[in-house]
Amino acid sequence: MPGTPPLSAIVFAVIGVLLLLSAVALAILGSFAFIAVASVGLFFIGAALIAQTVRSPGGRAPAVLALAALALIVFGIVATPFFYAGWVLLAGAVTLAFVSAVRAKRRAPSSPD
């Protein structure tokens, strides 16, 4: 891979690994909370992969927000307030992506036809 990964990818990966390690410790102790902690850790790993894949800072935030929204929607299937918060966050991610695309289009030099 060319270059170093962005700082956000490193931070998300470290948080995800720490959560997965704590999930292993909880599982060894016999707590069923390890399932929730492991799933949140996996979403942080997913956010790290998105942050590393999407190179433009304008597109990185909406992509990570969309992942968080999907996580809230999935968790919200059993807890209704999270379900609605997930849809609101997903709408915010789409709006942020649209605003970023419009700004990028305005900044791009127009090519002569």
PDB file of N, CA and C in Angstrom:
ATOM      1  N   MET A   1       0.833  -1.182   0.000  1.00  0.00           N
ATOM      2  CA  MET A   1       0.000   0.000   0.000  1.00  0.00           C
ATOM      3  C   MET A   1       0.873   1.238   0.000  1.00  0.00           C
ATOM      4  N   PRO A   2       0.593   2.183  -0.841  1.00  0.00           N
ATOM      5  CA  PRO A   2       1.401   3.395  -0.868  1.00  0.00           C
ATOM      6  C   PRO A   2       1.065   4.309   0.298  1.00  0.00           C
ATOM      7  N   GLY A   3       2.107   4.846   0.939  1.00  0.00           N
ATOM      8  CA  GLY A   3       1.907   5.801   2.022  1.00  0.00           C
ATOM      9  C   GLY A   3       1.456   5.153   3.318  1.00  0.00           C
ATOM     10  N   THR A   4       1.295   6.000   4.305  1.00  0.00           N
ATOM     11  CA  THR A   4       0.843   5.523   5.609  1.00  0.00           C
ATOM     12  C   THR A   4      -0.664   5.703   5.715  1.00  0.00           C
ATOM     13  N   PRO A   5      -1.302   4.870   6.521  1.00  0.00           N
ATOM     14  CA  PRO A   5      -2.755   5.026   6.685  1.00  0.00           C
ATOM     15  C   PRO A   5      -3.072   6.313   7.445  1.00  0.00           C
ATOM     16  N   PRO A   6      -4.254   6.874   7.220  1.00  0.00           N
ATOM     17  CA  PRO A   6      -4.617   8.094   7.944  1.00  0.00           C
ATOM     18  C   PRO A   6      -4.719   7.836   9.447  1.00  0.00           C
ATOM     19  N   LEU A   7      -4.579   8.898  10.206  1.00  0.00           N
ATOM     20  CA  LEU A   7      -4.628   8.795  11.662  1.00  0.00           C
ATOM     21  C   LEU A   7      -5.956   8.206  12.145  1.00  0.00           C
ATOM     22  N   SER A   8      -7.049   8.563  11.478  1.00  0.00           N
ATOM     23  CA  SER A   8      -8.354   8.049  11.897  1.00  0.00           C
ATOM     24  C   SER A   8      -8.415   6.528  11.763  1.00  0.00           C
ATOM     25  N   ALA A   9      -7.795   5.976  10.721  1.00  0.00           N
ATOM     26  CA  ALA A   9      -7.789   4.522  10.545  1.00  0.00           C
ATOM     27  C   ALA A   9      -7.013   3.841  11.671  1.00  0.00           C
ATOM     28  N   ILE A  10      -5.902   4.444  12.059  1.00  0.00           N
ATOM     29  CA  ILE A  10      -5.097   3.868  13.143  1.00  0.00           C
ATOM     30  C   ILE A  10      -5.864   3.923  14.464  1.00  0.00           C
ATOM     31  N   VAL A  11      -6.500   5.062  14.738  1.00  0.00           N
ATOM     32  CA  VAL A  11      -7.247   5.214  15.993  1.00  0.00           C
ATOM     33  C   VAL A  11      -8.411   4.232  16.042  1.00  0.00           C
ATOM     34  N   PHE A  12      -9.174   4.127  14.953  1.00  0.00           N
ATOM     35  CA  PHE A  12     -10.303   3.187  14.917  1.00  0.00           C
ATOM     36  C   PHE A  12      -9.821   1.748  15.095  1.00  0.00           C
ATOM     37  N   ALA A  13      -8.701   1.393  14.472  1.00  0.00           N
ATOM     38  CA  ALA A  13      -8.187   0.025  14.581  1.00  0.00           C
ATOM     39  C   ALA A  13      -7.738  -0.280  16.008  1.00  0.00           C
ATOM     40  N   VAL A  14      -7.071   0.669  16.649  1.00  0.00           N
ATOM     41  CA  VAL A  14      -6.612   0.454  18.025  1.00  0.00           C
ATOM     42  C   VAL A  14      -7.810   0.299  18.967  1.00  0.00           C
ATOM     43  N   ILE A  15      -8.805   1.159  18.814  1.00  0.00           N
ATOM     44  CA  ILE A  15     -10.003   1.044  19.659  1.00  0.00           C
ATOM     45  C   ILE A  15     -10.701  -0.288  19.410  1.00  0.00           C
ATOM     46  N   GLY A  16     -10.806  -0.695  18.152  1.00  0.00           N
ATOM     47  CA  GLY A  16     -11.439  -1.975  17.829  1.00  0.00           C
ATOM     48  C   GLY A  16     -10.711  -3.159  18.427  1.00  0.00           C
ATOM     49  N   VAL A  17      -9.387  -3.145  18.354  1.00  0.00           N
ATOM     50  CA  VAL A  17      -8.596  -4.246  18.916  1.00  0.00           C
ATOM     51  C   VAL A  17      -8.735  -4.279  20.442  1.00  0.00           C
ATOM     52  N   LEU A  18      -8.708  -3.115  21.072  1.00  0.00           N
ATOM     53  CA  LEU A  18      -8.879  -3.078  22.529  1.00  0.00           C
ATOM     54  C   LEU A  18     -10.252  -3.614  22.946  1.00  0.00           C
ATOM     55  N   LEU A  19     -11.273  -3.265  22.185  1.00  0.00           N
ATOM     56  CA  LEU A  19     -12.607  -3.775  22.497  1.00  0.00           C
ATOM     57  C   LEU A  19     -12.688  -5.287  22.283  1.00  0.00           C
ATOM     58  N   LEU A  20     -12.045  -5.788  21.231  1.00  0.00           N
ATOM     59  CA  LEU A  20     -12.060  -7.231  20.997  1.00  0.00           C
ATOM     60  C   LEU A  20     -11.292  -7.973  22.092  1.00  0.00           C
ATOM     61  N   LEU A  21     -10.181  -7.407  22.543  1.00  0.00           N
ATOM     62  CA  LEU A  21      -9.443  -8.040  23.639  1.00  0.00           C
ATOM     63  C   LEU A  21     -10.246  -8.043  24.938  1.00  0.00           C
ATOM     64  N   SER A  22     -10.963  -6.947  25.197  1.00  0.00           N
ATOM     65  CA  SER A  22     -11.800  -6.934  26.399  1.00  0.00           C
ATOM     66  C   SER A  22     -12.977  -7.889  26.254  1.00  0.00           C
ATOM     67  N   ALA A  23     -13.454  -8.101  25.038  1.00  0.00           N
ATOM     68  CA  ALA A  23     -14.524  -9.078  24.817  1.00  0.00           C
ATOM     69  C   ALA A  23     -14.029 -10.492  25.105  1.00  0.00           C
ATOM     70  N   VAL A  24     -12.786 -10.777  24.729  1.00  0.00           N
ATOM     71  CA  VAL A  24     -12.207 -12.088  25.034  1.00  0.00           C
ATOM     72  C   VAL A  24     -12.097 -12.277  26.544  1.00  0.00           C
ATOM     73  N   ALA A  25     -11.661 -11.223  27.246  1.00  0.00           N
ATOM     74  CA  ALA A  25     -11.555 -11.312  28.713  1.00  0.00           C
ATOM     75  C   ALA A  25     -12.928 -11.526  29.339  1.00  0.00           C
ATOM     76  N   LEU A  26     -13.941 -10.835  28.838  1.00  0.00           N
ATOM     77  CA  LEU A  26     -15.296 -11.014  29.361  1.00  0.00           C
ATOM     78  C   LEU A  26     -15.816 -12.420  29.086  1.00  0.00           C
ATOM     79  N   ALA A  27     -15.476 -12.957  27.914  1.00  0.00           N
ATOM     80  CA  ALA A  27     -15.919 -14.314  27.586  1.00  0.00           C
ATOM     81  C   ALA A  27     -15.256 -15.336  28.504  1.00  0.00           C
ATOM     82  N   ILE A  28     -13.984 -15.129  28.804  1.00  0.00           N
ATOM     83  CA  ILE A  28     -13.284 -16.042  29.711  1.00  0.00           C
ATOM     84  C   ILE A  28     -13.895 -15.983  31.111  1.00  0.00           C
ATOM     85  N   LEU A  29     -14.332 -14.784  31.516  1.00  0.00           N
ATOM     86  CA  LEU A  29     -14.951 -14.626  32.826  1.00  0.00           C
ATOM     87  C   LEU A  29     -16.396 -15.140  32.861  1.00  0.00           C
ATOM     88  N   GLY A  30     -16.942 -15.483  31.704  1.00  0.00           N
ATOM     89  CA  GLY A  30     -18.283 -16.050  31.656  1.00  0.00           C
ATOM     90  C   GLY A  30     -19.402 -15.044  31.493  1.00  0.00           C
ATOM     91  N   SER A  31     -19.088 -13.826  31.106  1.00  0.00           N
ATOM     92  CA  SER A  31     -20.117 -12.805  30.938  1.00  0.00           C
ATOM     93  C   SER A  31     -20.639 -12.833  29.497  1.00  0.00           C
ATOM     94  N   PHE A  32     -21.952 -12.706  29.387  1.00  0.00           N
ATOM     95  CA  PHE A  32     -22.530 -12.662  28.043  1.00  0.00           C
ATOM     96  C   PHE A  32     -22.423 -11.280  27.423  1.00  0.00           C
ATOM     97  N   ALA A  33     -21.917 -10.316  28.166  1.00  0.00           N
ATOM     98  CA  ALA A  33     -21.716  -8.973  27.625  1.00  0.00           C
ATOM     99  C   ALA A  33     -20.630  -8.963  26.556  1.00  0.00           C
ATOM    100  N   PHE A  34     -19.849 -10.045  26.485  1.00  0.00           N
ATOM    101  CA  PHE A  34     -18.785 -10.089  25.485  1.00  0.00           C
ATOM    102  C   PHE A  34     -19.345  -9.988  24.075  1.00  0.00           C
ATOM    103  N   ILE A  35     -20.565 -10.446  23.866  1.00  0.00           N
ATOM    104  CA  ILE A  35     -21.164 -10.398  22.526  1.00  0.00           C
ATOM    105  C   ILE A  35     -21.341  -8.951  22.077  1.00  0.00           C
ATOM    106  N   ALA A  36     -21.868  -8.116  22.963  1.00  0.00           N
ATOM    107  CA  ALA A  36     -22.073  -6.707  22.621  1.00  0.00           C
ATOM    108  C   ALA A  36     -20.745  -5.984  22.437  1.00  0.00           C
ATOM    109  N   VAL A  37     -19.800  -6.241  23.323  1.00  0.00           N
ATOM    110  CA  VAL A  37     -18.498  -5.571  23.237  1.00  0.00           C
ATOM    111  C   VAL A  37     -17.763  -5.993  21.962  1.00  0.00           C
ATOM    112  N   ALA A  38     -17.839  -7.273  21.615  1.00  0.00           N
ATOM    113  CA  ALA A  38     -17.181  -7.757  20.398  1.00  0.00           C
ATOM    114  C   ALA A  38     -17.822  -7.154  19.149  1.00  0.00           C
ATOM    115  N   SER A  39     -19.139  -7.022  19.146  1.00  0.00           N
ATOM    116  CA  SER A  39     -19.786  -6.456  17.958  1.00  0.00           C
ATOM    117  C   SER A  39     -19.430  -4.983  17.784  1.00  0.00           C
ATOM    118  N   VAL A  40     -19.338  -4.238  18.876  1.00  0.00           N
ATOM    119  CA  VAL A  40     -18.913  -2.836  18.769  1.00  0.00           C
ATOM    120  C   VAL A  40     -17.456  -2.768  18.302  1.00  0.00           C
ATOM    121  N   GLY A  41     -16.622  -3.663  18.796  1.00  0.00           N
ATOM    122  CA  GLY A  41     -15.227  -3.709  18.343  1.00  0.00           C
ATOM    123  C   GLY A  41     -15.119  -4.001  16.859  1.00  0.00           C
ATOM    124  N   LEU A  42     -15.971  -4.886  16.365  1.00  0.00           N
ATOM    125  CA  LEU A  42     -15.953  -5.191  14.933  1.00  0.00           C
ATOM    126  C   LEU A  42     -16.398  -3.992  14.101  1.00  0.00           C
ATOM    127  N   PHE A  43     -17.338  -3.217  14.613  1.00  0.00           N
ATOM    128  CA  PHE A  43     -17.731  -2.023  13.875  1.00  0.00           C
ATOM    129  C   PHE A  43     -16.608  -0.988  13.854  1.00  0.00           C
ATOM    130  N   PHE A  44     -15.813  -0.917  14.916  1.00  0.00           N
ATOM    131  CA  PHE A  44     -14.653  -0.021  14.899  1.00  0.00           C
ATOM    132  C   PHE A  44     -13.609  -0.509  13.888  1.00  0.00           C
ATOM    133  N   ILE A  45     -13.430  -1.819  13.787  1.00  0.00           N
ATOM    134  CA  ILE A  45     -12.521  -2.351  12.768  1.00  0.00           C
ATOM    135  C   ILE A  45     -13.044  -2.009  11.372  1.00  0.00           C
ATOM    136  N   GLY A  46     -14.352  -2.129  11.182  1.00  0.00           N
ATOM    137  CA  GLY A  46     -14.955  -1.741   9.904  1.00  0.00           C
ATOM    138  C   GLY A  46     -14.752  -0.266   9.606  1.00  0.00           C
ATOM    139  N   ALA A  47     -14.873   0.586  10.624  1.00  0.00           N
ATOM    140  CA  ALA A  47     -14.634   2.015  10.437  1.00  0.00           C
ATOM    141  C   ALA A  47     -13.176   2.272  10.071  1.00  0.00           C
ATOM    142  N   ALA A  48     -12.258   1.492  10.646  1.00  0.00           N
ATOM    143  CA  ALA A  48     -10.838   1.640  10.294  1.00  0.00           C
ATOM    144  C   ALA A  48     -10.597   1.267   8.837  1.00  0.00           C
ATOM    145  N   LEU A  49     -11.254   0.210   8.388  1.00  0.00           N
ATOM    146  CA  LEU A  49     -11.105  -0.187   6.982  1.00  0.00           C
ATOM    147  C   LEU A  49     -11.676   0.867   6.042  1.00  0.00           C
ATOM    148  N   ILE A  50     -12.815   1.447   6.411  1.00  0.00           N
ATOM    149  CA  ILE A  50     -13.395   2.512   5.588  1.00  0.00           C
ATOM    150  C   ILE A  50     -12.479   3.727   5.574  1.00  0.00           C
ATOM    151  N   ALA A  51     -11.971   4.104   6.752  1.00  0.00           N
ATOM    152  CA  ALA A  51     -11.089   5.276   6.828  1.00  0.00           C
ATOM    153  C   ALA A  51      -9.811   5.074   6.026  1.00  0.00           C
ATOM    154  N   GLN A  52      -9.349   3.842   5.904  1.00  0.00           N
ATOM    155  CA  GLN A  52      -8.147   3.580   5.122  1.00  0.00           C
ATOM    156  C   GLN A  52      -8.455   3.522   3.629  1.00  0.00           C
ATOM    157  N   THR A  53      -9.636   3.047   3.283  1.00  0.00           N
ATOM    158  CA  THR A  53      -9.992   2.894   1.874  1.00  0.00           C
ATOM    159  C   THR A  53     -10.374   4.215   1.228  1.00  0.00           C
ATOM    160  N   VAL A  54     -11.199   5.002   1.911  1.00  0.00           N
ATOM    161  CA  VAL A  54     -11.657   6.280   1.358  1.00  0.00           C
ATOM    162  C   VAL A  54     -10.579   7.313   1.623  1.00  0.00           C
ATOM    163  N   ARG A  55      -9.920   7.750   0.592  1.00  0.00           N
ATOM    164  CA  ARG A  55      -8.761   8.637   0.749  1.00  0.00           C
ATOM    165  C   ARG A  55      -9.142  10.092   0.948  1.00  0.00           C
ATOM    166  N   SER A  56     -10.250  10.561   0.382  1.00  0.00           N
ATOM    167  CA  SER A  56     -10.593  11.974   0.521  1.00  0.00           C
ATOM    168  C   SER A  56     -11.236  12.223   1.881  1.00  0.00           C
ATOM    169  N   PRO A  57     -10.754  13.229   2.607  1.00  0.00           N
ATOM    170  CA  PRO A  57     -11.345  13.520   3.920  1.00  0.00           C
ATOM    171  C   PRO A  57     -12.825  13.887   3.825  1.00  0.00           C
ATOM    172  N   GLY A  58     -13.235  14.476   2.716  1.00  0.00           N
ATOM    173  CA  GLY A  58     -14.632  14.837   2.540  1.00  0.00           C
ATOM    174  C   GLY A  58     -15.543  13.637   2.405  1.00  0.00           C
ATOM    175  N   GLY A  59     -15.027  12.532   1.903  1.00  0.00           N
ATOM    176  CA  GLY A  59     -15.832  11.329   1.749  1.00  0.00           C
ATOM    177  C   GLY A  59     -15.700  10.361   2.904  1.00  0.00           C
ATOM    178  N   ARG A  60     -14.641  10.538   3.705  1.00  0.00           N
ATOM    179  CA  ARG A  60     -14.384   9.609   4.812  1.00  0.00           C
ATOM    180  C   ARG A  60     -15.424   9.746   5.918  1.00  0.00           C
ATOM    181  N   ALA A  61     -15.757  10.964   6.292  1.00  0.00           N
ATOM    182  CA  ALA A  61     -16.715  11.173   7.385  1.00  0.00           C
ATOM    183  C   ALA A  61     -18.098  10.616   7.061  1.00  0.00           C
ATOM    184  N   PRO A  62     -18.654  10.884   5.867  1.00  0.00           N
ATOM    185  CA  PRO A  62     -19.965  10.296   5.575  1.00  0.00           C
ATOM    186  C   PRO A  62     -19.939   8.768   5.541  1.00  0.00           C
ATOM    187  N   ALA A  63     -18.845   8.187   5.079  1.00  0.00           N
ATOM    188  CA  ALA A  63     -18.771   6.725   5.014  1.00  0.00           C
ATOM    189  C   ALA A  63     -18.754   6.103   6.408  1.00  0.00           C
ATOM    190  N   VAL A  64     -17.978   6.691   7.318  1.00  0.00           N
ATOM    191  CA  VAL A  64     -17.929   6.169   8.684  1.00  0.00           C
ATOM    192  C   VAL A  64     -19.253   6.416   9.399  1.00  0.00           C
ATOM    193  N   LEU A  65     -19.869   7.572   9.158  1.00  0.00           N
ATOM    194  CA  LEU A  65     -21.178   7.853   9.749  1.00  0.00           C
ATOM    195  C   LEU A  65     -22.231   6.877   9.238  1.00  0.00           C
ATOM    196  N   ALA A  66     -22.158   6.533   7.955  1.00  0.00           N
ATOM    197  CA  ALA A  66     -23.115   5.567   7.412  1.00  0.00           C
ATOM    198  C   ALA A  66     -22.933   4.197   8.066  1.00  0.00           C
ATOM    199  N   LEU A  67     -21.685   3.802   8.314  1.00  0.00           N
ATOM    200  CA  LEU A  67     -21.448   2.537   9.010  1.00  0.00           C
ATOM    201  C   LEU A  67     -22.018   2.571  10.422  1.00  0.00           C
ATOM    202  N   ALA A  68     -21.803   3.688  11.123  1.00  0.00           N
ATOM    203  CA  ALA A  68     -22.362   3.816  12.475  1.00  0.00           C
ATOM    204  C   ALA A  68     -23.882   3.799  12.441  1.00  0.00           C
ATOM    205  N   ALA A  69     -24.458   4.415  11.430  1.00  0.00           N
ATOM    206  CA  ALA A  69     -25.918   4.413  11.303  1.00  0.00           C
ATOM    207  C   ALA A  69     -26.446   3.006  11.074  1.00  0.00           C
ATOM    208  N   LEU A  70     -25.769   2.260  10.221  1.00  0.00           N
ATOM    209  CA  LEU A  70     -26.210   0.880   9.978  1.00  0.00           C
ATOM    210  C   LEU A  70     -26.088   0.037  11.247  1.00  0.00           C
ATOM    211  N   ALA A  71     -25.049   0.288  12.035  1.00  0.00           N
ATOM    212  CA  ALA A  71     -24.903  -0.444  13.297  1.00  0.00           C
ATOM    213  C   ALA A  71     -26.054  -0.108  14.238  1.00  0.00           C
ATOM    214  N   LEU A  72     -26.411   1.172  14.313  1.00  0.00           N
ATOM    215  CA  LEU A  72     -27.525   1.561  15.183  1.00  0.00           C
ATOM    216  C   LEU A  72     -28.849   0.982  14.694  1.00  0.00           C
ATOM    217  N   ILE A  73     -29.021   0.911  13.389  1.00  0.00           N
ATOM    218  CA  ILE A  73     -30.257   0.336  12.846  1.00  0.00           C
ATOM    219  C   ILE A  73     -30.335  -1.144  13.200  1.00  0.00           C
ATOM    220  N   VAL A  74     -29.217  -1.861  13.054  1.00  0.00           N
ATOM    221  CA  VAL A  74     -29.202  -3.288  13.389  1.00  0.00           C
ATOM    222  C   VAL A  74     -29.458  -3.481  14.880  1.00  0.00           C
ATOM    223  N   PHE A  75     -28.764  -2.710  15.729  1.00  0.00           N
ATOM    224  CA  PHE A  75     -29.001  -2.816  17.167  1.00  0.00           C
ATOM    225  C   PHE A  75     -30.398  -2.330  17.526  1.00  0.00           C
ATOM    226  N   GLY A  76     -30.926  -1.394  16.755  1.00  0.00           N
ATOM    227  CA  GLY A  76     -32.237  -0.826  17.036  1.00  0.00           C
ATOM    228  C   GLY A  76     -33.391  -1.749  16.750  1.00  0.00           C
ATOM    229  N   ILE A  77     -33.125  -2.862  16.100  1.00  0.00           N
ATOM    230  CA  ILE A  77     -34.197  -3.815  15.847  1.00  0.00           C
ATOM    231  C   ILE A  77     -34.761  -4.320  17.171  1.00  0.00           C
ATOM    232  N   VAL A  78     -33.921  -4.394  18.195  1.00  0.00           N
ATOM    233  CA  VAL A  78     -34.389  -4.840  19.504  1.00  0.00           C
ATOM    234  C   VAL A  78     -34.606  -3.674  20.471  1.00  0.00           C
ATOM    235  N   ALA A  79     -34.116  -2.495  20.161  1.00  0.00           N
ATOM    236  CA  ALA A  79     -34.305  -1.317  21.011  1.00  0.00           C
ATOM    237  C   ALA A  79     -34.733  -0.158  20.116  1.00  0.00           C
ATOM    238  N   THR A  80     -36.005   0.129  20.091  1.00  0.00           N
ATOM    239  CA  THR A  80     -36.588   1.073  19.136  1.00  0.00           C
ATOM    240  C   THR A  80     -35.917   2.440  19.085  1.00  0.00           C
ATOM    241  N   PRO A  81     -35.531   3.077  20.188  1.00  0.00           N
ATOM    242  CA  PRO A  81     -34.897   4.401  20.064  1.00  0.00           C
ATOM    243  C   PRO A  81     -33.617   4.376  19.235  1.00  0.00           C
ATOM    244  N   PHE A  82     -32.833   3.301  19.343  1.00  0.00           N
ATOM    245  CA  PHE A  82     -31.625   3.196  18.526  1.00  0.00           C
ATOM    246  C   PHE A  82     -31.973   3.065  17.054  1.00  0.00           C
ATOM    247  N   PHE A  83     -33.079   2.405  16.764  1.00  0.00           N
ATOM    248  CA  PHE A  83     -33.513   2.222  15.381  1.00  0.00           C
ATOM    249  C   PHE A  83     -33.746   3.578  14.718  1.00  0.00           C
ATOM    250  N   TYR A  84     -34.489   4.452  15.401  1.00  0.00           N
ATOM    251  CA  TYR A  84     -34.771   5.772  14.831  1.00  0.00           C
ATOM    252  C   TYR A  84     -33.523   6.641  14.798  1.00  0.00           C
ATOM    253  N   ALA A  85     -32.689   6.537  15.817  1.00  0.00           N
ATOM    254  CA  ALA A  85     -31.438   7.303  15.821  1.00  0.00           C
ATOM    255  C   ALA A  85     -30.543   6.867  14.660  1.00  0.00           C
ATOM    256  N   GLY A  86     -30.558   5.581  14.334  1.00  0.00           N
ATOM    257  CA  GLY A  86     -29.779   5.091  13.209  1.00  0.00           C
ATOM    258  C   GLY A  86     -30.230   5.678  11.889  1.00  0.00           C
ATOM    259  N   TRP A  87     -31.538   5.769  11.695  1.00  0.00           N
ATOM    260  CA  TRP A  87     -32.051   6.353  10.450  1.00  0.00           C
ATOM    261  C   TRP A  87     -31.729   7.835  10.373  1.00  0.00           C
ATOM    262  N   VAL A  88     -31.798   8.532  11.505  1.00  0.00           N
ATOM    263  CA  VAL A  88     -31.450   9.955  11.523  1.00  0.00           C
ATOM    264  C   VAL A  88     -29.968  10.131  11.197  1.00  0.00           C
ATOM    265  N   LEU A  89     -29.117   9.284  11.767  1.00  0.00           N
ATOM    266  CA  LEU A  89     -27.684   9.361  11.490  1.00  0.00           C
ATOM    267  C   LEU A  89     -27.371   9.021  10.037  1.00  0.00           C
ATOM    268  N   LEU A  90     -28.092   8.063   9.483  1.00  0.00           N
ATOM    269  CA  LEU A  90     -27.907   7.724   8.072  1.00  0.00           C
ATOM    270  C   LEU A  90     -28.316   8.886   7.175  1.00  0.00           C
ATOM    271  N   ALA A  91     -29.410   9.558   7.518  1.00  0.00           N
ATOM    272  CA  ALA A  91     -29.820  10.745   6.746  1.00  0.00           C
ATOM    273  C   ALA A  91     -28.767  11.846   6.854  1.00  0.00           C
ATOM    274  N   GLY A  92     -28.187  12.000   8.050  1.00  0.00           N
ATOM    275  CA  GLY A  92     -27.114  12.980   8.214  1.00  0.00           C
ATOM    276  C   GLY A  92     -25.885  12.633   7.399  1.00  0.00           C
ATOM    277  N   ALA A  93     -25.561  11.347   7.311  1.00  0.00           N
ATOM    278  CA  ALA A  93     -24.407  10.921   6.507  1.00  0.00           C
ATOM    279  C   ALA A  93     -24.643  11.205   5.031  1.00  0.00           C
ATOM    280  N   VAL A  94     -25.856  10.949   4.564  1.00  0.00           N
ATOM    281  CA  VAL A  94     -26.177  11.226   3.157  1.00  0.00           C
ATOM    282  C   VAL A  94     -26.111  12.724   2.892  1.00  0.00           C
ATOM    283  N   THR A  95     -26.634  13.513   3.811  1.00  0.00           N
ATOM    284  CA  THR A  95     -26.583  14.967   3.652  1.00  0.00           C
ATOM    285  C   THR A  95     -25.143  15.465   3.644  1.00  0.00           C
ATOM    286  N   LEU A  96     -24.311  14.943   4.543  1.00  0.00           N
ATOM    287  CA  LEU A  96     -22.906  15.340   4.586  1.00  0.00           C
ATOM    288  C   LEU A  96     -22.174  14.939   3.308  1.00  0.00           C
ATOM    289  N   ALA A  97     -22.469  13.763   2.785  1.00  0.00           N
ATOM    290  CA  ALA A  97     -21.851  13.336   1.530  1.00  0.00           C
ATOM    291  C   ALA A  97     -22.285  14.249   0.376  1.00  0.00           C
ATOM    292  N   PHE A  98     -23.546  14.625   0.349  1.00  0.00           N
ATOM    293  CA  PHE A  98     -24.040  15.515  -0.701  1.00  0.00           C
ATOM    294  C   PHE A  98     -23.369  16.879  -0.619  1.00  0.00           C
ATOM    295  N   VAL A  99     -23.275  17.437   0.592  1.00  0.00           N
ATOM    296  CA  VAL A  99     -22.633  18.742   0.773  1.00  0.00           C
ATOM    297  C   VAL A  99     -21.159  18.669   0.378  1.00  0.00           C
ATOM    298  N   SER A 100     -20.477  17.591   0.736  1.00  0.00           N
ATOM    299  CA  SER A 100     -19.065  17.430   0.369  1.00  0.00           C
ATOM    300  C   SER A 100     -18.900  17.335  -1.143  1.00  0.00           C
ATOM    301  N   ALA A 101     -19.818  16.627  -1.802  1.00  0.00           N
ATOM    302  CA  ALA A 101     -19.732  16.510  -3.258  1.00  0.00           C
ATOM    303  C   ALA A 101     -19.967  17.852  -3.938  1.00  0.00           C
ATOM    304  N   VAL A 102     -20.910  18.630  -3.437  1.00  0.00           N
ATOM    305  CA  VAL A 102     -21.183  19.949  -4.022  1.00  0.00           C
ATOM    306  C   VAL A 102     -19.984  20.862  -3.824  1.00  0.00           C
ATOM    307  N   ARG A 103     -19.390  20.837  -2.623  1.00  0.00           N
ATOM    308  CA  ARG A 103     -18.200  21.675  -2.380  1.00  0.00           C
ATOM    309  C   ARG A 103     -17.031  21.262  -3.256  1.00  0.00           C
ATOM    310  N   ALA A 104     -16.836  19.968  -3.440  1.00  0.00           N
ATOM    311  CA  ALA A 104     -15.739  19.493  -4.281  1.00  0.00           C
ATOM    312  C   ALA A 104     -15.962  19.901  -5.728  1.00  0.00           C
ATOM    313  N   LYS A 105     -17.206  19.888  -6.151  1.00  0.00           N
ATOM    314  CA  LYS A 105     -17.515  20.274  -7.539  1.00  0.00           C
ATOM    315  C   LYS A 105     -17.265  21.763  -7.748  1.00  0.00           C
ATOM    316  N   ARG A 106     -17.574  22.575  -6.732  1.00  0.00           N
ATOM    317  CA  ARG A 106     -17.342  24.022  -6.859  1.00  0.00           C
ATOM    318  C   ARG A 106     -15.859  24.340  -6.869  1.00  0.00           C
ATOM    319  N   ARG A 107     -15.068  23.578  -6.103  1.00  0.00           N
ATOM    320  CA  ARG A 107     -13.628  23.834  -6.018  1.00  0.00           C
ATOM    321  C   ARG A 107     -12.874  23.339  -7.242  1.00  0.00           C
ATOM    322  N   ALA A 108     -13.410  22.341  -7.904  1.00  0.00           N
ATOM    323  CA  ALA A 108     -12.720  21.760  -9.063  1.00  0.00           C
ATOM    324  C   ALA A 108     -12.707  22.786 -10.195  1.00  0.00           C
ATOM    325  N   PRO A 109     -11.548  22.916 -10.826  1.00  0.00           N
ATOM    326  CA  PRO A 109     -11.502  23.858 -11.953  1.00  0.00           C
ATOM    327  C   PRO A 109     -12.352  23.339 -13.098  1.00  0.00           C
ATOM    328  N   SER A 110     -13.080  24.250 -13.679  1.00  0.00           N
ATOM    329  CA  SER A 110     -13.939  23.851 -14.807  1.00  0.00           C
ATOM    330  C   SER A 110     -13.082  23.656 -16.049  1.00  0.00           C
ATOM    331  N   SER A 111     -13.355  22.587 -16.745  1.00  0.00           N
ATOM    332  CA  SER A 111     -12.575  22.287 -17.949  1.00  0.00           C
ATOM    333  C   SER A 111     -13.238  22.947 -19.155  1.00  0.00           C
ATOM    334  N   PRO A 112     -12.440  23.536 -20.025  1.00  0.00           N
ATOM    335  CA  PRO A 112     -13.017  24.158 -21.213  1.00  0.00           C
ATOM    336  C   PRO A 112     -13.538  23.092 -22.171  1.00  0.00           C
ATOM    337  N   ASP A 113     -14.704  23.338 -22.706  1.00  0.00           N
ATOM    338  CA  ASP A 113     -15.289  22.371 -23.652  1.00  0.00           C
ATOM    339  C   ASP A 113     -14.920  22.665 -25.061  1.00  0.00           C
TER     340      ASP A 113
END
